Amino acid sequence: MKKNIVLSLLFLMFAFVALADGTPEKDNKPKETSDDIGDFLLPDGFFNIDYNLGIPMGDMKDFIGTNSYRGFSIDGRKFINQHFTVGGYMGWTGFYEKNARKTYPLESGTITGVTSTTYYNFNFGINAHYYFMPGAMIKPYIGLAAGPVYHTLQIQLGRYYIEDQNWQFQMAPDLGFFIPFGPESDAGINTGVRYNLISYQNSTYGFSNGLTYLQWYIGITFEY
């Protein structure tokens, strides 16, 4: 009898201590705050590999009127807080257009032939982006890239051509989205639009207000 009473008292004591200790059960785990959840979902940064489709605008449209299907870019972004990233980028773009055969006036007469115009550039620099909803699955962002660009413009008529190669400065604001492949995926789709403005003026090629073109980009993003 005494043994049963002692065992009963020990059981009650253990139950009381357990409850007083607040020993959590499965359903009573401490809850994370919204900030904790946001930090948990926020990676250190992103690495993007994108294909770029170029659309000429402004004076560029008069120089080359066709879209560019030759372009790529890579960039890395590092979060400095919950919303902002800073990083670097590099890219390459090529435009080409072939015109119908026609006659062109010259100082000493005329020349007839087929003309073609080309534009290529290699650009790199730094970027900064703001993520509106860093804790959401789909992450929209807005950003700005800036840096030097080395470009080549050429007009060719038969065997004759004129060409200009030089360094310029480029600014490129963009608006895009990161869409992961799944809730637990560290990779996803990066897509958006970018407006490229290059500080280039040359009356020979018809550029008086800079060289501008729009890009739609889409590619793969890896979180790290």
C-alpha atoms as a PDB file:
ATOM      1  CA  MET A   1       0.000   0.000   0.000  1.00  0.00           C
ATOM      2  CA  LYS A   2       2.747   2.427   1.004  1.00  0.00           C
ATOM      3  CA  LYS A   3       4.570   1.516  -2.204  1.00  0.00           C
ATOM      4  CA  ASN A   4       1.521   2.452  -4.326  1.00  0.00           C
ATOM      5  CA  ILE A   5       1.129   5.766  -2.475  1.00  0.00           C
ATOM      6  CA  VAL A   6       4.815   6.615  -3.007  1.00  0.00           C
ATOM      7  CA  LEU A   7       4.597   5.741  -6.705  1.00  0.00           C
ATOM      8  CA  SER A   8       1.414   7.831  -7.054  1.00  0.00           C
ATOM      9  CA  LEU A   9       3.059  10.797  -5.324  1.00  0.00           C
ATOM     10  CA  LEU A  10       6.164  10.486  -7.555  1.00  0.00           C
ATOM     11  CA  PHE A  11       3.963  10.391 -10.683  1.00  0.00           C
ATOM     12  CA  LEU A  12       2.003  13.491  -9.599  1.00  0.00           C
ATOM     13  CA  MET A  13       5.280  15.263  -8.774  1.00  0.00           C
ATOM     14  CA  PHE A  14       6.722  14.438 -12.187  1.00  0.00           C
ATOM     15  CA  ALA A  15       3.525  15.604 -13.927  1.00  0.00           C
ATOM     16  CA  PHE A  16       3.508  18.842 -11.931  1.00  0.00           C
ATOM     17  CA  VAL A  17       7.161  19.570 -12.676  1.00  0.00           C
ATOM     18  CA  ALA A  18       6.668  18.785 -16.366  1.00  0.00           C
ATOM     19  CA  LEU A  19       3.703  21.132 -16.637  1.00  0.00           C
ATOM     20  CA  ALA A  20       5.363  23.819 -14.559  1.00  0.00           C
ATOM     21  CA  ASP A  21       8.478  23.525 -16.730  1.00  0.00           C
ATOM     22  CA  GLY A  22       6.381  24.194 -19.794  1.00  0.00           C
ATOM     23  CA  THR A  23       7.765  21.170 -21.582  1.00  0.00           C
ATOM     24  CA  PRO A  24       6.462  21.708 -25.130  1.00  0.00           C
ATOM     25  CA  GLU A  25       4.504  19.085 -26.941  1.00  0.00           C
ATOM     26  CA  LYS A  26       4.515  18.775 -30.740  1.00  0.00           C
ATOM     27  CA  ASP A  27       1.661  21.255 -31.170  1.00  0.00           C
ATOM     28  CA  ASN A  28       3.120  23.733 -28.689  1.00  0.00           C
ATOM     29  CA  LYS A  29       6.441  24.556 -30.353  1.00  0.00           C
ATOM     30  CA  PRO A  30       7.548  28.169 -29.974  1.00  0.00           C
ATOM     31  CA  LYS A  31       6.245  30.107 -32.962  1.00  0.00           C
ATOM     32  CA  GLU A  32       8.594  32.117 -35.163  1.00  0.00           C
ATOM     33  CA  THR A  33       7.848  35.779 -35.555  1.00  0.00           C
ATOM     34  CA  SER A  34       7.165  37.248 -38.975  1.00  0.00           C
ATOM     35  CA  ASP A  35      10.706  38.664 -38.985  1.00  0.00           C
ATOM     36  CA  ASP A  36      12.121  35.220 -38.241  1.00  0.00           C
ATOM     37  CA  ILE A  37      10.117  33.729 -41.099  1.00  0.00           C
ATOM     38  CA  GLY A  38      11.289  36.464 -43.449  1.00  0.00           C
ATOM     39  CA  ASP A  39      14.919  35.924 -42.476  1.00  0.00           C
ATOM     40  CA  PHE A  40      14.492  32.170 -42.923  1.00  0.00           C
ATOM     41  CA  LEU A  41      13.130  32.580 -46.456  1.00  0.00           C
ATOM     42  CA  LEU A  42      15.662  35.239 -47.425  1.00  0.00           C
ATOM     43  CA  PRO A  43      18.785  33.838 -49.153  1.00  0.00           C
ATOM     44  CA  ASP A  44      22.201  35.467 -48.970  1.00  0.00           C
ATOM     45  CA  GLY A  45      21.825  36.436 -52.611  1.00  0.00           C
ATOM     46  CA  PHE A  46      21.072  35.457 -56.195  1.00  0.00           C
ATOM     47  CA  PHE A  47      23.129  34.467 -59.238  1.00  0.00           C
ATOM     48  CA  ASN A  48      21.336  34.980 -62.587  1.00  0.00           C
ATOM     49  CA  ILE A  49      22.059  33.700 -66.103  1.00  0.00           C
ATOM     50  CA  ASP A  50      19.720  35.367 -68.619  1.00  0.00           C
ATOM     51  CA  TYR A  51      18.898  35.384 -72.324  1.00  0.00           C
ATOM     52  CA  ASN A  52      18.131  38.893 -73.616  1.00  0.00           C
ATOM     53  CA  LEU A  53      15.888  39.977 -76.478  1.00  0.00           C
ATOM     54  CA  GLY A  54      16.636  43.544 -77.627  1.00  0.00           C
ATOM     55  CA  ILE A  55      14.154  46.075 -79.039  1.00  0.00           C
ATOM     56  CA  PRO A  56      15.640  49.279 -80.561  1.00  0.00           C
ATOM     57  CA  MET A  57      14.205  52.611 -79.453  1.00  0.00           C
ATOM     58  CA  GLY A  58      14.693  56.286 -80.282  1.00  0.00           C
ATOM     59  CA  ASP A  59      17.627  57.059 -82.608  1.00  0.00           C
ATOM     60  CA  MET A  60      18.643  53.417 -82.422  1.00  0.00           C
ATOM     61  CA  LYS A  61      15.422  52.462 -84.216  1.00  0.00           C
ATOM     62  CA  ASP A  62      16.451  54.659 -87.166  1.00  0.00           C
ATOM     63  CA  PHE A  63      19.898  53.071 -87.270  1.00  0.00           C
ATOM     64  CA  ILE A  64      18.676  49.452 -86.897  1.00  0.00           C
ATOM     65  CA  GLY A  65      14.955  48.766 -86.950  1.00  0.00           C
ATOM     66  CA  THR A  66      14.986  45.008 -86.307  1.00  0.00           C
ATOM     67  CA  ASN A  67      14.977  43.275 -82.924  1.00  0.00           C
ATOM     68  CA  SER A  68      18.023  41.530 -81.533  1.00  0.00           C
ATOM     69  CA  TYR A  69      17.851  37.836 -80.688  1.00  0.00           C
ATOM     70  CA  ARG A  70      21.526  37.689 -79.738  1.00  0.00           C
ATOM     71  CA  GLY A  71      22.139  38.667 -76.170  1.00  0.00           C
ATOM     72  CA  PHE A  72      22.982  37.260 -72.756  1.00  0.00           C
ATOM     73  CA  SER A  73      23.894  38.527 -69.323  1.00  0.00           C
ATOM     74  CA  ILE A  74      25.001  37.215 -65.942  1.00  0.00           C
ATOM     75  CA  ASP A  75      24.834  38.985 -62.613  1.00  0.00           C
ATOM     76  CA  GLY A  76      25.259  38.374 -58.900  1.00  0.00           C
ATOM     77  CA  ARG A  77      23.332  40.066 -56.095  1.00  0.00           C
ATOM     78  CA  LYS A  78      24.031  40.094 -52.361  1.00  0.00           C
ATOM     79  CA  PHE A  79      21.444  41.115 -49.749  1.00  0.00           C
ATOM     80  CA  ILE A  80      22.667  43.872 -47.447  1.00  0.00           C
ATOM     81  CA  ASN A  81      19.348  43.922 -45.567  1.00  0.00           C
ATOM     82  CA  GLN A  82      15.879  42.454 -45.970  1.00  0.00           C
ATOM     83  CA  HIS A  83      15.046  44.466 -49.103  1.00  0.00           C
ATOM     84  CA  PHE A  84      18.240  45.673 -50.818  1.00  0.00           C
ATOM     85  CA  THR A  85      20.877  43.847 -52.853  1.00  0.00           C
ATOM     86  CA  VAL A  86      24.111  45.097 -54.394  1.00  0.00           C
ATOM     87  CA  GLY A  87      26.269  43.266 -56.895  1.00  0.00           C
ATOM     88  CA  GLY A  88      27.836  43.202 -60.326  1.00  0.00           C
ATOM     89  CA  TYR A  89      26.938  42.199 -63.876  1.00  0.00           C
ATOM     90  CA  MET A  90      28.265  41.663 -67.383  1.00  0.00           C
ATOM     91  CA  GLY A  91      26.517  41.160 -70.721  1.00  0.00           C
ATOM     92  CA  TRP A  92      26.739  41.078 -74.493  1.00  0.00           C
ATOM     93  CA  THR A  93      24.245  42.240 -77.141  1.00  0.00           C
ATOM     94  CA  GLY A  94      24.246  42.182 -80.951  1.00  0.00           C
ATOM     95  CA  PHE A  95      21.932  43.887 -83.470  1.00  0.00           C
ATOM     96  CA  TYR A  96      21.989  43.345 -87.240  1.00  0.00           C
ATOM     97  CA  GLU A  97      19.878  44.570 -90.152  1.00  0.00           C
ATOM     98  CA  LYS A  98      20.205  44.030 -93.909  1.00  0.00           C
ATOM     99  CA  ASN A  99      18.574  46.568 -96.233  1.00  0.00           C
ATOM    100  CA  ALA A 100      17.307  46.206 -99.784  1.00  0.00           C
ATOM    101  CA  ARG A 101      19.509  47.058-102.758  1.00  0.00           C
ATOM    102  CA  LYS A 102      19.284  50.754-103.630  1.00  0.00           C
ATOM    103  CA  THR A 103      21.249  53.709-104.975  1.00  0.00           C
ATOM    104  CA  TYR A 104      22.942  56.158-102.636  1.00  0.00           C
ATOM    105  CA  PRO A 105      24.260  59.613-103.558  1.00  0.00           C
ATOM    106  CA  LEU A 106      27.942  60.446-103.055  1.00  0.00           C
ATOM    107  CA  GLU A 107      29.925  63.663-103.500  1.00  0.00           C
ATOM    108  CA  SER A 108      31.447  62.377-106.738  1.00  0.00           C
ATOM    109  CA  GLY A 109      28.425  60.457-108.047  1.00  0.00           C
ATOM    110  CA  THR A 110      26.253  57.567-106.878  1.00  0.00           C
ATOM    111  CA  ILE A 111      26.716  54.015-105.686  1.00  0.00           C
ATOM    112  CA  THR A 112      24.283  51.128-105.826  1.00  0.00           C
ATOM    113  CA  GLY A 113      24.321  48.126-103.509  1.00  0.00           C
ATOM    114  CA  VAL A 114      22.978  46.292-100.507  1.00  0.00           C
ATOM    115  CA  THR A 115      23.686  47.873 -97.129  1.00  0.00           C
ATOM    116  CA  SER A 116      23.829  46.316 -93.715  1.00  0.00           C
ATOM    117  CA  THR A 117      24.096  47.870 -90.266  1.00  0.00           C
ATOM    118  CA  THR A 118      25.435  46.168 -87.160  1.00  0.00           C
ATOM    119  CA  TYR A 119      25.744  47.073 -83.506  1.00  0.00           C
ATOM    120  CA  TYR A 120      27.553  45.038 -80.839  1.00  0.00           C
ATOM    121  CA  ASN A 121      28.363  45.858 -77.253  1.00  0.00           C
ATOM    122  CA  PHE A 122      30.018  44.343 -74.207  1.00  0.00           C
ATOM    123  CA  ASN A 123      29.005  45.881 -70.879  1.00  0.00           C
ATOM    124  CA  PHE A 124      29.754  45.370 -67.193  1.00  0.00           C
ATOM    125  CA  GLY A 125      29.414  47.247 -63.931  1.00  0.00           C
ATOM    126  CA  ILE A 126      27.563  47.343 -60.613  1.00  0.00           C
ATOM    127  CA  ASN A 127      23.883  46.956 -59.796  1.00  0.00           C
ATOM    128  CA  ALA A 128      21.472  47.574 -56.920  1.00  0.00           C
ATOM    129  CA  HIS A 129      17.955  46.172 -56.487  1.00  0.00           C
ATOM    130  CA  TYR A 130      15.022  46.618 -54.129  1.00  0.00           C
ATOM    131  CA  TYR A 131      12.822  43.576 -53.415  1.00  0.00           C
ATOM    132  CA  PHE A 132       9.286  44.618 -52.490  1.00  0.00           C
ATOM    133  CA  MET A 133       8.259  41.319 -50.821  1.00  0.00           C
ATOM    134  CA  PRO A 134      11.435  39.413 -49.838  1.00  0.00           C
ATOM    135  CA  GLY A 135       9.480  36.901 -47.725  1.00  0.00           C
ATOM    136  CA  ALA A 136       7.036  35.998 -50.513  1.00  0.00           C
ATOM    137  CA  MET A 137       7.433  33.012 -52.802  1.00  0.00           C
ATOM    138  CA  ILE A 138       7.378  35.226 -55.942  1.00  0.00           C
ATOM    139  CA  LYS A 139       9.704  38.183 -55.411  1.00  0.00           C
ATOM    140  CA  PRO A 140       9.149  41.321 -57.539  1.00  0.00           C
ATOM    141  CA  TYR A 141      12.009  43.823 -57.675  1.00  0.00           C
ATOM    142  CA  ILE A 142      13.157  47.078 -59.222  1.00  0.00           C
ATOM    143  CA  GLY A 143      16.770  48.001 -59.825  1.00  0.00           C
ATOM    144  CA  LEU A 144      19.466  49.981 -61.574  1.00  0.00           C
ATOM    145  CA  ALA A 145      22.715  48.906 -63.239  1.00  0.00           C
ATOM    146  CA  ALA A 146      25.500  51.251 -64.320  1.00  0.00           C
ATOM    147  CA  GLY A 147      28.955  50.923 -65.790  1.00  0.00           C
ATOM    148  CA  PRO A 148      31.165  51.146 -68.889  1.00  0.00           C
ATOM    149  CA  VAL A 149      30.213  49.675 -72.259  1.00  0.00           C
ATOM    150  CA  TYR A 150      32.444  48.969 -75.246  1.00  0.00           C
ATOM    151  CA  HIS A 151      30.463  49.071 -78.482  1.00  0.00           C
ATOM    152  CA  THR A 152      30.938  48.824 -82.244  1.00  0.00           C
ATOM    153  CA  LEU A 153      28.714  50.425 -84.888  1.00  0.00           C
ATOM    154  CA  GLN A 154      29.165  49.636 -88.563  1.00  0.00           C
ATOM    155  CA  ILE A 155      27.495  50.521 -91.870  1.00  0.00           C
ATOM    156  CA  GLN A 156      28.579  48.396 -94.821  1.00  0.00           C
ATOM    157  CA  LEU A 157      27.844  48.903 -98.529  1.00  0.00           C
ATOM    158  CA  GLY A 158      29.381  46.238-100.733  1.00  0.00           C
ATOM    159  CA  ARG A 159      33.106  46.193 -99.991  1.00  0.00           C
ATOM    160  CA  TYR A 160      33.023  49.598 -98.300  1.00  0.00           C
ATOM    161  CA  TYR A 161      32.128  50.308 -94.707  1.00  0.00           C
ATOM    162  CA  ILE A 162      32.452  52.879 -91.967  1.00  0.00           C
ATOM    163  CA  GLU A 163      32.907  51.832 -88.367  1.00  0.00           C
ATOM    164  CA  ASP A 164      33.050  53.408 -84.937  1.00  0.00           C
ATOM    165  CA  GLN A 165      34.414  51.650 -81.836  1.00  0.00           C
ATOM    166  CA  ASN A 166      34.659  53.323 -78.450  1.00  0.00           C
ATOM    167  CA  TRP A 167      33.921  53.200 -74.730  1.00  0.00           C
ATOM    168  CA  GLN A 168      30.817  54.859 -73.328  1.00  0.00           C
ATOM    169  CA  PHE A 169      28.831  54.933 -70.076  1.00  0.00           C
ATOM    170  CA  GLN A 170      25.582  53.003 -69.648  1.00  0.00           C
ATOM    171  CA  MET A 171      22.678  53.165 -67.191  1.00  0.00           C
ATOM    172  CA  ALA A 172      19.980  50.470 -67.179  1.00  0.00           C
ATOM    173  CA  PRO A 173      16.936  50.515 -64.863  1.00  0.00           C
ATOM    174  CA  ASP A 174      14.968  47.276 -64.754  1.00  0.00           C
ATOM    175  CA  LEU A 175      11.791  45.735 -63.323  1.00  0.00           C
ATOM    176  CA  GLY A 176      11.549  41.989 -62.803  1.00  0.00           C
ATOM    177  CA  PHE A 177      10.419  38.930 -60.858  1.00  0.00           C
ATOM    178  CA  PHE A 178      12.069  35.918 -59.279  1.00  0.00           C
ATOM    179  CA  ILE A 179       9.798  32.856 -59.493  1.00  0.00           C
ATOM    180  CA  PRO A 180      11.138  29.726 -57.730  1.00  0.00           C
ATOM    181  CA  PHE A 181      10.507  26.269 -59.154  1.00  0.00           C
ATOM    182  CA  GLY A 182       8.864  25.260 -55.865  1.00  0.00           C
ATOM    183  CA  PRO A 183       8.489  26.223 -52.170  1.00  0.00           C
ATOM    184  CA  GLU A 184      11.683  24.382 -51.205  1.00  0.00           C
ATOM    185  CA  SER A 185      13.654  25.082 -54.400  1.00  0.00           C
ATOM    186  CA  ASP A 186      16.894  27.071 -54.429  1.00  0.00           C
ATOM    187  CA  ALA A 187      16.508  27.785 -58.149  1.00  0.00           C
ATOM    188  CA  GLY A 188      13.891  29.459 -60.289  1.00  0.00           C
ATOM    189  CA  ILE A 189      13.036  31.765 -63.187  1.00  0.00           C
ATOM    190  CA  ASN A 190      14.299  35.323 -63.435  1.00  0.00           C
ATOM    191  CA  THR A 191      12.421  37.535 -65.897  1.00  0.00           C
ATOM    192  CA  GLY A 192      11.769  41.212 -66.504  1.00  0.00           C
ATOM    193  CA  VAL A 193      12.380  44.242 -68.710  1.00  0.00           C
ATOM    194  CA  ARG A 194      15.429  46.500 -68.842  1.00  0.00           C
ATOM    195  CA  TYR A 195      15.845  49.939 -70.425  1.00  0.00           C
ATOM    196  CA  ASN A 196      19.391  50.584 -71.660  1.00  0.00           C
ATOM    197  CA  LEU A 197      20.614  54.149 -72.097  1.00  0.00           C
ATOM    198  CA  ILE A 198      24.137  54.683 -73.473  1.00  0.00           C
ATOM    199  CA  SER A 199      25.631  58.184 -73.524  1.00  0.00           C
ATOM    200  CA  TYR A 200      26.581  58.128 -77.191  1.00  0.00           C
ATOM    201  CA  GLN A 201      26.315  60.949 -79.737  1.00  0.00           C
ATOM    202  CA  ASN A 202      27.481  60.736 -83.347  1.00  0.00           C
ATOM    203  CA  SER A 203      25.857  62.652 -86.212  1.00  0.00           C
ATOM    204  CA  THR A 204      27.395  60.302 -88.810  1.00  0.00           C
ATOM    205  CA  TYR A 205      25.253  57.460 -87.485  1.00  0.00           C
ATOM    206  CA  GLY A 206      22.273  59.649 -86.574  1.00  0.00           C
ATOM    207  CA  PHE A 207      22.627  59.608 -82.789  1.00  0.00           C
ATOM    208  CA  SER A 208      21.900  62.930 -81.128  1.00  0.00           C
ATOM    209  CA  ASN A 209      20.055  61.860 -77.939  1.00  0.00           C
ATOM    210  CA  GLY A 210      21.995  58.807 -76.861  1.00  0.00           C
ATOM    211  CA  LEU A 211      21.686  55.172 -77.878  1.00  0.00           C
ATOM    212  CA  THR A 212      18.701  53.405 -76.320  1.00  0.00           C
ATOM    213  CA  TYR A 213      17.127  49.973 -76.515  1.00  0.00           C
ATOM    214  CA  LEU A 214      14.737  47.894 -74.442  1.00  0.00           C
ATOM    215  CA  GLN A 215      15.432  44.311 -73.364  1.00  0.00           C
ATOM    216  CA  TRP A 216      13.196  41.502 -72.212  1.00  0.00           C
ATOM    217  CA  TYR A 217      15.265  39.005 -70.264  1.00  0.00           C
ATOM    218  CA  ILE A 218      14.501  35.526 -68.987  1.00  0.00           C
ATOM    219  CA  GLY A 219      16.785  32.968 -67.410  1.00  0.00           C
ATOM    220  CA  ILE A 220      17.723  30.806 -64.455  1.00  0.00           C
ATOM    221  CA  THR A 221      18.327  32.070 -60.921  1.00  0.00           C
ATOM    222  CA  PHE A 222      20.264  30.225 -58.230  1.00  0.00           C
ATOM    223  CA  GLU A 223      19.973  31.183 -54.575  1.00  0.00           C
ATOM    224  CA  TYR A 224      23.055  31.008 -52.374  1.00  0.00           C
END
